[in-house]
C-alpha atoms as a PDB file:
ATOM      1  CA  MET A   1      48.502  57.187 -61.702  1.00  0.00           C
ATOM      2  CA  SER A   2      47.090  60.469 -60.217  1.00  0.00           C
ATOM      3  CA  ARG A   3      46.481  63.512 -62.413  1.00  0.00           C
ATOM      4  CA  LEU A   4      49.333  65.403 -60.591  1.00  0.00           C
ATOM      5  CA  ASP A   5      51.811  62.410 -61.266  1.00  0.00           C
ATOM      6  CA  SER A   6      50.424  62.406 -64.965  1.00  0.00           C
ATOM      7  CA  PHE A   7      51.069  66.033 -65.406  1.00  0.00           C
ATOM      8  CA  ILE A   8      54.544  65.749 -63.927  1.00  0.00           C
ATOM      9  CA  SER A   9      55.499  62.762 -66.171  1.00  0.00           C
ATOM     10  CA  ARG A  10      54.290  64.749 -69.156  1.00  0.00           C
ATOM     11  CA  MET A  11      56.376  67.880 -68.142  1.00  0.00           C
ATOM     12  CA  GLN A  12      59.441  65.710 -67.761  1.00  0.00           C
ATOM     13  CA  SER A  13      58.840  63.861 -70.884  1.00  0.00           C
ATOM     14  CA  GLN A  14      58.632  67.079 -72.845  1.00  0.00           C
ATOM     15  CA  ARG A  15      61.730  68.639 -71.177  1.00  0.00           C
ATOM     16  CA  GLU A  16      63.645  65.379 -71.917  1.00  0.00           C
ATOM     17  CA  ILE A  17      63.084  65.442 -75.658  1.00  0.00           C
ATOM     18  CA  ILE A  18      63.578  68.822 -75.926  1.00  0.00           C
ATOM     19  CA  ASN A  19      66.946  68.719 -74.301  1.00  0.00           C
ATOM     20  CA  HIS A  20      67.674  65.482 -76.296  1.00  0.00           C
ATOM     21  CA  VAL A  21      67.041  67.481 -79.676  1.00  0.00           C
ATOM     22  CA  LYS A  22      69.107  70.437 -78.438  1.00  0.00           C
ATOM     23  CA  ASP A  23      72.180  68.356 -76.837  1.00  0.00           C
ATOM     24  CA  ASN A  24      72.165  66.097 -80.083  1.00  0.00           C
ATOM     25  CA  ALA A  25      72.020  69.249 -82.415  1.00  0.00           C
ATOM     26  CA  MET A  26      69.018  67.561 -84.365  1.00  0.00           C
ATOM     27  CA  ILE A  27      67.740  70.999 -85.965  1.00  0.00           C
ATOM     28  CA  ALA A  28      69.496  73.823 -87.723  1.00  0.00           C
ATOM     29  CA  PRO A  29      70.739  76.579 -85.410  1.00  0.00           C
ATOM     30  CA  ASP A  30      68.971  79.045 -87.580  1.00  0.00           C
ATOM     31  CA  GLY A  31      65.462  76.788 -88.315  1.00  0.00           C
ATOM     32  CA  VAL A  32      62.188  77.968 -87.541  1.00  0.00           C
ATOM     33  CA  ILE A  33      60.423  76.337 -84.581  1.00  0.00           C
ATOM     34  CA  LEU A  34      56.678  76.147 -84.028  1.00  0.00           C
ATOM     35  CA  GLU A  35      55.308  76.085 -80.671  1.00  0.00           C
ATOM     36  CA  ILE A  36      51.684  75.062 -81.192  1.00  0.00           C
ATOM     37  CA  GLY A  37      50.091  75.535 -77.803  1.00  0.00           C
ATOM     38  CA  LEU A  38      51.217  78.503 -75.534  1.00  0.00           C
ATOM     39  CA  GLY A  39      49.339  77.781 -72.677  1.00  0.00           C
ATOM     40  CA  ASN A  40      51.222  79.416 -69.625  1.00  0.00           C
ATOM     41  CA  GLY A  41      54.277  79.747 -71.798  1.00  0.00           C
ATOM     42  CA  ARG A  42      56.463  77.509 -69.619  1.00  0.00           C
ATOM     43  CA  THR A  43      57.696  75.213 -72.669  1.00  0.00           C
ATOM     44  CA  TYR A  44      57.922  78.378 -74.874  1.00  0.00           C
ATOM     45  CA  ASP A  45      60.432  79.643 -72.481  1.00  0.00           C
ATOM     46  CA  HIS A  46      62.346  76.385 -72.196  1.00  0.00           C
ATOM     47  CA  ILE A  47      62.709  76.189 -76.182  1.00  0.00           C
ATOM     48  CA  ARG A  48      63.649  79.801 -76.294  1.00  0.00           C
ATOM     49  CA  GLU A  49      66.329  79.220 -73.850  1.00  0.00           C
ATOM     50  CA  SER A  50      67.525  75.979 -75.245  1.00  0.00           C
ATOM     51  CA  PHE A  51      67.435  77.427 -79.037  1.00  0.00           C
ATOM     52  CA  PRO A  52      68.242  80.996 -78.529  1.00  0.00           C
ATOM     53  CA  ASN A  53      69.211  81.502 -82.412  1.00  0.00           C
ATOM     54  CA  ASN A  54      66.158  80.011 -83.653  1.00  0.00           C
ATOM     55  CA  ARG A  55      62.865  82.087 -84.466  1.00  0.00           C
ATOM     56  CA  ILE A  56      59.838  80.405 -82.694  1.00  0.00           C
ATOM     57  CA  ILE A  57      56.409  81.027 -83.971  1.00  0.00           C
ATOM     58  CA  VAL A  58      53.667  80.293 -81.346  1.00  0.00           C
ATOM     59  CA  PHE A  59      50.292  79.430 -81.778  1.00  0.00           C
ATOM     60  CA  ASP A  60      47.111  79.672 -79.426  1.00  0.00           C
ATOM     61  CA  ARG A  61      43.367  80.865 -79.423  1.00  0.00           C
ATOM     62  CA  ALA A  62      44.126  83.640 -77.028  1.00  0.00           C
ATOM     63  CA  VAL A  63      47.286  84.855 -75.053  1.00  0.00           C
ATOM     64  CA  GLY A  64      47.042  83.208 -71.528  1.00  0.00           C
ATOM     65  CA  SER A  65      50.992  83.150 -70.451  1.00  0.00           C
ATOM     66  CA  HIS A  66      52.912  84.806 -67.985  1.00  0.00           C
ATOM     67  CA  PRO A  67      54.343  87.999 -69.311  1.00  0.00           C
ATOM     68  CA  ALA A  68      57.926  87.001 -68.799  1.00  0.00           C
ATOM     69  CA  SER A  69      56.973  83.972 -71.160  1.00  0.00           C
ATOM     70  CA  THR A  70      55.108  85.931 -73.822  1.00  0.00           C
ATOM     71  CA  PRO A  71      56.571  85.638 -77.401  1.00  0.00           C
ATOM     72  CA  PRO A  72      56.865  89.189 -79.415  1.00  0.00           C
ATOM     73  CA  GLU A  73      53.740  90.200 -81.449  1.00  0.00           C
ATOM     74  CA  LYS A  74      55.383  89.334 -84.685  1.00  0.00           C
ATOM     75  CA  ASP A  75      55.794  85.569 -83.519  1.00  0.00           C
ATOM     76  CA  LEU A  76      52.516  84.891 -82.300  1.00  0.00           C
ATOM     77  CA  VAL A  77      49.462  83.616 -84.208  1.00  0.00           C
ATOM     78  CA  LEU A  78      46.331  83.836 -82.518  1.00  0.00           C
ATOM     79  CA  GLY A  79      43.141  82.057 -83.472  1.00  0.00           C
ATOM     80  CA  ASP A  80      41.907  78.643 -84.245  1.00  0.00           C
ATOM     81  CA  ILE A  81      45.121  76.613 -84.482  1.00  0.00           C
ATOM     82  CA  LYS A  82      43.402  74.074 -86.968  1.00  0.00           C
ATOM     83  CA  ASP A  83      42.946  77.139 -89.538  1.00  0.00           C
ATOM     84  CA  THR A  84      46.177  79.422 -88.585  1.00  0.00           C
ATOM     85  CA  ILE A  85      48.710  76.655 -88.943  1.00  0.00           C
ATOM     86  CA  GLN A  86      47.604  76.154 -92.518  1.00  0.00           C
ATOM     87  CA  GLN A  87      49.672  79.157 -93.652  1.00  0.00           C
ATOM     88  CA  PHE A  88      52.981  77.227 -92.567  1.00  0.00           C
ATOM     89  CA  ALA A  89      52.490  74.362 -95.072  1.00  0.00           C
ATOM     90  CA  GLY A  90      55.652  73.948 -96.965  1.00  0.00           C
ATOM     91  CA  THR A  91      57.855  76.439 -94.947  1.00  0.00           C
ATOM     92  CA  ASN A  92      60.299  73.844 -94.056  1.00  0.00           C
ATOM     93  CA  VAL A  93      59.801  74.199 -90.480  1.00  0.00           C
ATOM     94  CA  ALA A  94      63.152  72.689 -88.455  1.00  0.00           C
ATOM     95  CA  LEU A  95      61.238  71.536 -85.177  1.00  0.00           C
ATOM     96  CA  ALA A  96      57.432  71.546 -84.280  1.00  0.00           C
ATOM     97  CA  HIS A  97      56.355  71.085 -80.668  1.00  0.00           C
ATOM     98  CA  ALA A  98      52.528  70.370 -79.917  1.00  0.00           C
ATOM     99  CA  ASP A  99      51.276  70.238 -76.504  1.00  0.00           C
ATOM    100  CA  ILE A 100      47.299  70.843 -77.277  1.00  0.00           C
ATOM    101  CA  GLY A 101      46.011  67.541 -75.708  1.00  0.00           C
ATOM    102  CA  THR A 102      43.065  67.898 -73.297  1.00  0.00           C
ATOM    103  CA  ALA A 103      42.895  64.395 -71.678  1.00  0.00           C
ATOM    104  CA  TYR A 104      39.332  64.378 -73.326  1.00  0.00           C
ATOM    105  CA  ALA A 105      39.144  61.450 -76.008  1.00  0.00           C
ATOM    106  CA  GLU A 106      36.669  63.083 -77.895  1.00  0.00           C
ATOM    107  CA  LYS A 107      38.308  66.448 -78.378  1.00  0.00           C
ATOM    108  CA  ASP A 108      41.649  64.965 -78.817  1.00  0.00           C
ATOM    109  CA  ALA A 109      40.188  62.829 -81.395  1.00  0.00           C
ATOM    110  CA  ARG A 110      39.084  65.887 -83.482  1.00  0.00           C
ATOM    111  CA  THR A 111      42.572  67.468 -83.016  1.00  0.00           C
ATOM    112  CA  LEU A 112      44.217  64.326 -84.382  1.00  0.00           C
ATOM    113  CA  THR A 113      42.011  64.672 -87.640  1.00  0.00           C
ATOM    114  CA  TRP A 114      44.101  67.818 -88.530  1.00  0.00           C
ATOM    115  CA  LEU A 115      47.229  67.908 -86.445  1.00  0.00           C
ATOM    116  CA  PRO A 116      49.304  64.964 -87.669  1.00  0.00           C
ATOM    117  CA  GLN A 117      49.021  66.283 -91.226  1.00  0.00           C
ATOM    118  CA  SER A 118      49.371  69.866 -90.515  1.00  0.00           C
ATOM    119  CA  VAL A 119      52.766  69.183 -88.770  1.00  0.00           C
ATOM    120  CA  ALA A 120      54.083  67.019 -91.411  1.00  0.00           C
ATOM    121  CA  ALA A 121      53.083  69.738 -93.890  1.00  0.00           C
ATOM    122  CA  ALA A 122      54.975  72.239 -92.117  1.00  0.00           C
ATOM    123  CA  LEU A 123      58.227  70.346 -91.453  1.00  0.00           C
ATOM    124  CA  ALA A 124      61.199  70.234 -93.982  1.00  0.00           C
ATOM    125  CA  PRO A 125      62.626  67.054 -94.594  1.00  0.00           C
ATOM    126  CA  GLY A 126      64.572  65.626 -91.704  1.00  0.00           C
ATOM    127  CA  GLY A 127      62.445  67.979 -89.453  1.00  0.00           C
ATOM    128  CA  ILE A 128      61.561  67.037 -85.944  1.00  0.00           C
ATOM    129  CA  ALA A 129      58.149  66.808 -84.354  1.00  0.00           C
ATOM    130  CA  VAL A 130      57.590  66.578 -80.559  1.00  0.00           C
ATOM    131  CA  SER A 131      53.995  66.131 -79.316  1.00  0.00           C
ATOM    132  CA  GLY A 132      51.709  65.254 -76.425  1.00  0.00           C
ATOM    133  CA  LEU A 133      49.513  63.460 -78.980  1.00  0.00           C
ATOM    134  CA  PRO A 134      50.374  60.655 -81.329  1.00  0.00           C
ATOM    135  CA  LEU A 135      51.169  62.151 -84.720  1.00  0.00           C
ATOM    136  CA  ASP A 136      50.302  59.230 -87.252  1.00  0.00           C
ATOM    137  CA  ASN A 137      51.173  60.207 -90.544  1.00  0.00           C
ATOM    138  CA  PRO A 138      53.276  58.189 -93.326  1.00  0.00           C
ATOM    139  CA  GLU A 139      55.690  61.203 -93.482  1.00  0.00           C
ATOM    140  CA  LEU A 140      56.522  61.209 -89.931  1.00  0.00           C
ATOM    141  CA  GLU A 141      59.021  58.523 -88.627  1.00  0.00           C
ATOM    142  CA  PRO A 142      58.898  57.685 -84.946  1.00  0.00           C
ATOM    143  CA  LEU A 143      62.256  58.126 -83.259  1.00  0.00           C
ATOM    144  CA  PRO A 144      63.413  56.143 -80.243  1.00  0.00           C
ATOM    145  CA  LEU A 145      62.479  58.243 -76.933  1.00  0.00           C
ATOM    146  CA  PRO A 146      65.258  59.321 -74.848  1.00  0.00           C
ATOM    147  CA  VAL A 147      65.929  57.480 -71.571  1.00  0.00           C
ATOM    148  CA  GLY A 148      63.563  58.611 -68.966  1.00  0.00           C
ATOM    149  CA  VAL A 149      60.624  58.961 -71.365  1.00  0.00           C
ATOM    150  CA  GLU A 150      57.828  56.747 -70.715  1.00  0.00           C
ATOM    151  CA  PRO A 151      56.506  55.361 -74.001  1.00  0.00           C
ATOM    152  CA  GLY A 152      52.957  56.597 -74.852  1.00  0.00           C
ATOM    153  CA  ARG A 153      53.474  59.664 -72.628  1.00  0.00           C
ATOM    154  CA  TYR A 154      55.243  61.754 -75.376  1.00  0.00           C
ATOM    155  CA  TYR A 155      55.933  61.326 -79.015  1.00  0.00           C
ATOM    156  CA  PHE A 156      59.102  62.068 -81.337  1.00  0.00           C
ATOM    157  CA  TYR A 157      59.250  62.010 -84.835  1.00  0.00           C
ATOM    158  CA  ARG A 158      61.397  62.942 -87.706  1.00  0.00           C
ATOM    159  CA  LYS A 159      59.796  63.827 -91.160  1.00  0.00           C
ATOM    160  CA  ARG A 160      61.102  61.466 -94.075  1.00  0.00           C
END
């Protein structure tokens, strides 16, 4: 699969799972959402449109998003995500979306030493996690992928 086809598959999978969460009312309409990795802001923009009543707190090292897709300063947490996300442990987050994979095995392996437990620690019981990297954690139960999402392309969990 070309890198372009892989990117398109990732974006389609991301959208399908987020839409599935919205269409099936899988999170509280006022629950906090964590967007872990802002990037250009495309996914943040989709989440904002899909969940207009939820507060969305966004993490990244620096702002690189399009101005129309940049969260308000009060909802933007800048710095090393490994460190900044720790403040959300135990805060009963409704949904956490993480798209911070790099496609470099060594870098992603380092991320996977802290990301699964950080997401699990932030989520409320029954909270939903959506990720481009597998979140292997005993507190996270894998959920069936929506139709159109290729297994291994994106991951979907509920906190036990």
